[in-house]
């Protein structure tokens, strides 16, 4: 489940714009995420293990992820997480370290501090490519981010993991909108009836 969130939220830290340098791009993306007023998008993940898809909503530090593999809501303070493996909803107040797994702003700062970033040569027209490699041993061996230069939107991310597995994430259907607060709090209609809710705070 942690790997699932790392893959999705890592992609989200670079959603909206390309700047002159990778580091500046991260800063600009964080600013764009904070200034966008909120957005929704669809995603798909493919790997040798299979494929999955879902949708994400974000506004500032708040987010919601809905898929068959996991569901998560974060309202800026409290996080609700559901997994079919546990068949329960866990309520937590994430630490700063735990938010690196889920919070796009914290994830952005983590990558700036712990990964080397450089612009890479694009194989197709109108594409801007960023290559990230960890400064120290990490589960991620190499991360490639592919942007559409015409729209400045991230369209594809390729994760090459230390165990040699590869995950490809595609982002589609971006929609910018102001989202109600309820978007980022637990919605019991999204989990099976009778699901146990465990407060771990």
Protein backbone atom coordinates (compact mmCIF):
# COMPACT_ATOMS: atom_id res chain seq x y z
CA UNK A 1 0.00 0.00 0.00
CA UNK A 2 2.87 2.40 0.77
CA UNK A 3 4.37 1.80 -2.68
CA UNK A 4 0.99 2.61 -4.23
CA UNK A 5 0.86 5.99 -2.52
CA UNK A 6 4.51 6.76 -3.25
CA UNK A 7 3.90 6.19 -6.96
CA UNK A 8 0.78 8.32 -7.15
CA UNK A 9 1.86 11.21 -4.93
CA UNK A 10 5.34 11.36 -6.45
CA UNK A 11 3.67 11.97 -9.78
CA UNK A 12 1.46 14.65 -8.29
CA UNK A 13 4.38 16.79 -7.08
CA UNK A 14 5.17 17.71 -10.69
CA UNK A 15 1.72 18.23 -12.12
CA UNK A 16 1.39 21.59 -13.72
CA UNK A 17 4.40 23.37 -15.18
CA UNK A 18 7.98 23.13 -16.44
CA UNK A 19 10.54 25.73 -15.38
CA UNK A 20 14.10 26.48 -16.52
CA UNK A 21 15.72 23.91 -14.22
CA UNK A 22 14.38 20.75 -12.56
CA UNK A 23 14.71 22.28 -9.09
CA UNK A 24 12.91 25.44 -10.17
CA UNK A 25 10.32 23.27 -11.86
CA UNK A 26 9.53 21.56 -8.56
CA UNK A 27 9.14 24.93 -6.84
CA UNK A 28 6.91 26.20 -9.63
CA UNK A 29 4.79 23.06 -9.52
CA UNK A 30 4.26 23.40 -5.77
CA UNK A 31 3.24 27.03 -6.27
CA UNK A 32 0.90 26.04 -9.11
CA UNK A 33 -0.69 23.31 -7.02
CA UNK A 34 -1.29 25.80 -4.20
CA UNK A 35 -2.64 28.47 -6.56
CA UNK A 36 -4.77 26.31 -8.83
CA UNK A 37 -7.79 26.33 -6.53
CA UNK A 38 -7.95 22.55 -6.74
CA UNK A 39 -8.07 19.95 -9.48
CA UNK A 40 -9.06 16.41 -10.32
CA UNK A 41 -7.37 13.94 -12.65
CA UNK A 42 -7.49 10.30 -13.70
CA UNK A 43 -4.49 7.99 -13.67
CA UNK A 44 -3.49 4.50 -14.73
CA UNK A 45 -0.57 2.38 -13.52
CA UNK A 46 0.87 -0.51 -15.52
CA UNK A 47 3.60 -2.97 -14.57
CA UNK A 48 4.56 -6.60 -15.05
CA UNK A 49 2.21 -7.38 -12.15
CA UNK A 50 -0.82 -5.95 -13.95
CA UNK A 51 -2.68 -2.67 -14.27
CA UNK A 52 -4.80 -0.42 -12.09
CA UNK A 53 -6.55 2.91 -12.41
CA UNK A 54 -8.19 5.52 -10.28
CA UNK A 55 -8.68 9.23 -9.73
CA UNK A 56 -7.18 11.89 -7.53
CA UNK A 57 -8.40 15.24 -6.21
CA UNK A 58 -6.09 17.85 -4.69
CA UNK A 59 -6.37 21.32 -3.22
CA UNK A 60 -3.43 22.81 -1.35
CA UNK A 61 -2.15 20.17 1.06
CA UNK A 62 -5.43 18.23 0.95
CA UNK A 63 -5.99 15.25 -1.29
CA UNK A 64 -8.19 12.26 -2.04
CA UNK A 65 -7.27 9.06 -3.92
CA UNK A 66 -9.91 6.57 -5.02
CA UNK A 67 -9.09 3.21 -6.64
CA UNK A 68 -9.83 -0.48 -6.18
CA UNK A 69 -6.44 -0.99 -4.48
CA UNK A 70 -6.74 1.78 -1.90
CA UNK A 71 -8.74 4.81 -0.88
CA UNK A 72 -7.33 7.73 1.08
CA UNK A 73 -8.59 11.10 2.28
CA UNK A 74 -6.46 13.81 3.90
CA UNK A 75 -7.95 17.10 5.10
CA UNK A 76 -4.67 18.75 6.05
CA UNK A 77 -4.62 17.25 9.54
CA UNK A 78 -6.38 13.87 9.61
CA UNK A 79 -5.91 10.96 7.20
CA UNK A 80 -8.37 8.13 6.54
CA UNK A 81 -6.97 5.11 4.66
CA UNK A 82 -8.79 2.02 3.41
CA UNK A 83 -7.24 -1.12 1.94
CA UNK A 84 -8.92 -4.33 0.74
CA UNK A 85 -6.08 -6.20 2.48
CA UNK A 86 -7.11 -5.02 5.95
CA UNK A 87 -10.80 -4.42 5.12
CA UNK A 88 -10.84 -1.51 7.56
CA UNK A 89 -10.41 2.25 7.60
CA UNK A 90 -7.50 3.54 9.67
CA UNK A 91 -7.61 7.10 11.01
CA UNK A 92 -4.22 8.72 11.66
CA UNK A 93 -2.58 12.08 12.19
CA UNK A 94 0.46 11.64 9.93
CA UNK A 95 3.91 12.80 11.03
CA UNK A 96 6.06 14.95 8.76
CA UNK A 97 7.99 11.83 7.76
CA UNK A 98 4.83 9.87 7.00
CA UNK A 99 3.52 12.75 4.90
CA UNK A 100 6.44 12.27 2.53
CA UNK A 101 4.50 9.21 1.37
CA UNK A 102 1.26 11.07 0.80
CA UNK A 103 1.52 14.86 0.93
CA UNK A 104 2.67 16.40 -2.38
CA UNK A 105 4.36 19.40 -0.77
CA UNK A 106 6.35 17.22 1.64
CA UNK A 107 7.17 14.82 -1.20
CA UNK A 108 8.46 17.68 -3.33
CA UNK A 109 10.82 18.82 -0.60
CA UNK A 110 11.97 15.22 -0.10
CA UNK A 111 12.90 14.86 -3.77
CA UNK A 112 14.67 18.20 -3.89
CA UNK A 113 16.79 17.25 -0.89
CA UNK A 114 17.44 13.59 -1.64
CA UNK A 115 17.47 13.18 -5.43
CA UNK A 116 19.68 14.48 -8.22
CA UNK A 117 17.62 16.01 -11.01
CA UNK A 118 18.56 16.86 -14.58
CA UNK A 119 16.89 17.53 -17.89
CA UNK A 120 17.11 14.51 -20.21
CA UNK A 121 16.91 14.27 -23.98
CA UNK A 122 13.38 13.80 -25.26
CA UNK A 123 12.69 11.12 -27.84
CA UNK A 124 9.53 12.79 -29.14
CA UNK A 125 8.66 16.35 -30.12
CA UNK A 126 7.07 18.76 -27.64
CA UNK A 127 8.19 16.67 -24.68
CA UNK A 128 10.26 17.84 -21.71
CA UNK A 129 11.93 15.04 -19.76
CA UNK A 130 13.31 15.13 -16.21
CA UNK A 131 15.51 12.32 -14.83
CA UNK A 132 15.73 11.86 -11.05
CA UNK A 133 18.20 9.56 -9.30
CA UNK A 134 18.58 9.16 -5.52
CA UNK A 135 21.67 10.52 -3.78
CA UNK A 136 21.55 7.54 -1.41
CA UNK A 137 20.10 4.04 -1.69
CA UNK A 138 16.35 4.24 -2.23
CA UNK A 139 13.51 1.98 -3.35
CA UNK A 140 13.37 4.07 -6.52
CA UNK A 141 16.43 3.58 -8.75
CA UNK A 142 15.46 6.07 -11.47
CA UNK A 143 12.38 8.20 -12.03
CA UNK A 144 11.55 9.71 -15.43
CA UNK A 145 8.95 12.49 -15.77
CA UNK A 146 7.54 13.33 -19.22
CA UNK A 147 5.83 16.69 -19.73
CA UNK A 148 3.82 18.05 -22.65
CA UNK A 149 5.68 21.27 -23.49
CA UNK A 150 2.59 22.81 -25.11
CA UNK A 151 0.43 22.51 -21.99
CA UNK A 152 3.19 22.09 -19.34
CA UNK A 153 1.24 19.16 -17.91
CA UNK A 154 2.82 15.94 -16.73
CA UNK A 155 1.52 13.11 -18.90
CA UNK A 156 3.71 10.11 -18.02
CA UNK A 157 6.04 8.99 -15.25
CA UNK A 158 8.24 5.89 -15.38
CA UNK A 159 9.54 4.37 -12.13
CA UNK A 160 12.51 2.00 -12.31
CA UNK A 161 12.68 0.37 -8.87
CA UNK A 162 15.62 -1.15 -7.03
CA UNK A 163 14.09 -4.63 -7.35
CA UNK A 164 14.10 -4.16 -11.17
CA UNK A 165 10.33 -3.75 -11.37
CA UNK A 166 9.04 -0.92 -13.57
CA UNK A 167 5.86 1.10 -13.12
CA UNK A 168 4.45 3.43 -15.78
CA UNK A 169 1.90 6.04 -14.71
CA UNK A 170 -0.23 8.03 -17.15
CA UNK A 171 -2.19 11.12 -16.09
CA UNK A 172 -5.28 12.23 -18.03
CA UNK A 173 -8.46 14.30 -17.72
CA UNK A 174 -7.07 17.23 -15.76
CA UNK A 175 -9.87 19.49 -14.54
CA UNK A 176 -9.20 22.61 -12.45
CA UNK A 177 -11.95 23.54 -10.02
CA UNK A 178 -12.59 24.67 -6.47
CA UNK A 179 -13.45 21.60 -4.39
CA UNK A 180 -15.67 21.47 -1.26
CA UNK A 181 -14.07 20.59 2.08
CA UNK A 182 -16.07 17.36 2.20
CA UNK A 183 -14.04 16.05 -0.77
CA UNK A 184 -11.11 15.43 1.56
CA UNK A 185 -12.88 13.77 4.49
CA UNK A 186 -13.87 10.13 4.81
CA UNK A 187 -16.86 9.11 2.69
CA UNK A 188 -18.32 5.83 3.97
CA UNK A 189 -20.18 5.29 0.70
CA UNK A 190 -16.79 4.61 -0.92
CA UNK A 191 -16.10 1.50 1.24
CA UNK A 192 -18.09 -1.70 1.81
CA UNK A 193 -21.02 -1.40 4.20
CA UNK A 194 -20.09 -2.32 7.76
CA UNK A 195 -16.38 -1.58 7.28
CA UNK A 196 -14.69 -1.15 10.68
CA UNK A 197 -13.17 2.27 11.35
CA UNK A 198 -10.11 2.15 13.62
CA UNK A 199 -8.88 5.38 15.20
CA UNK A 200 -5.07 5.12 15.54
CA UNK A 201 -4.45 8.73 16.58
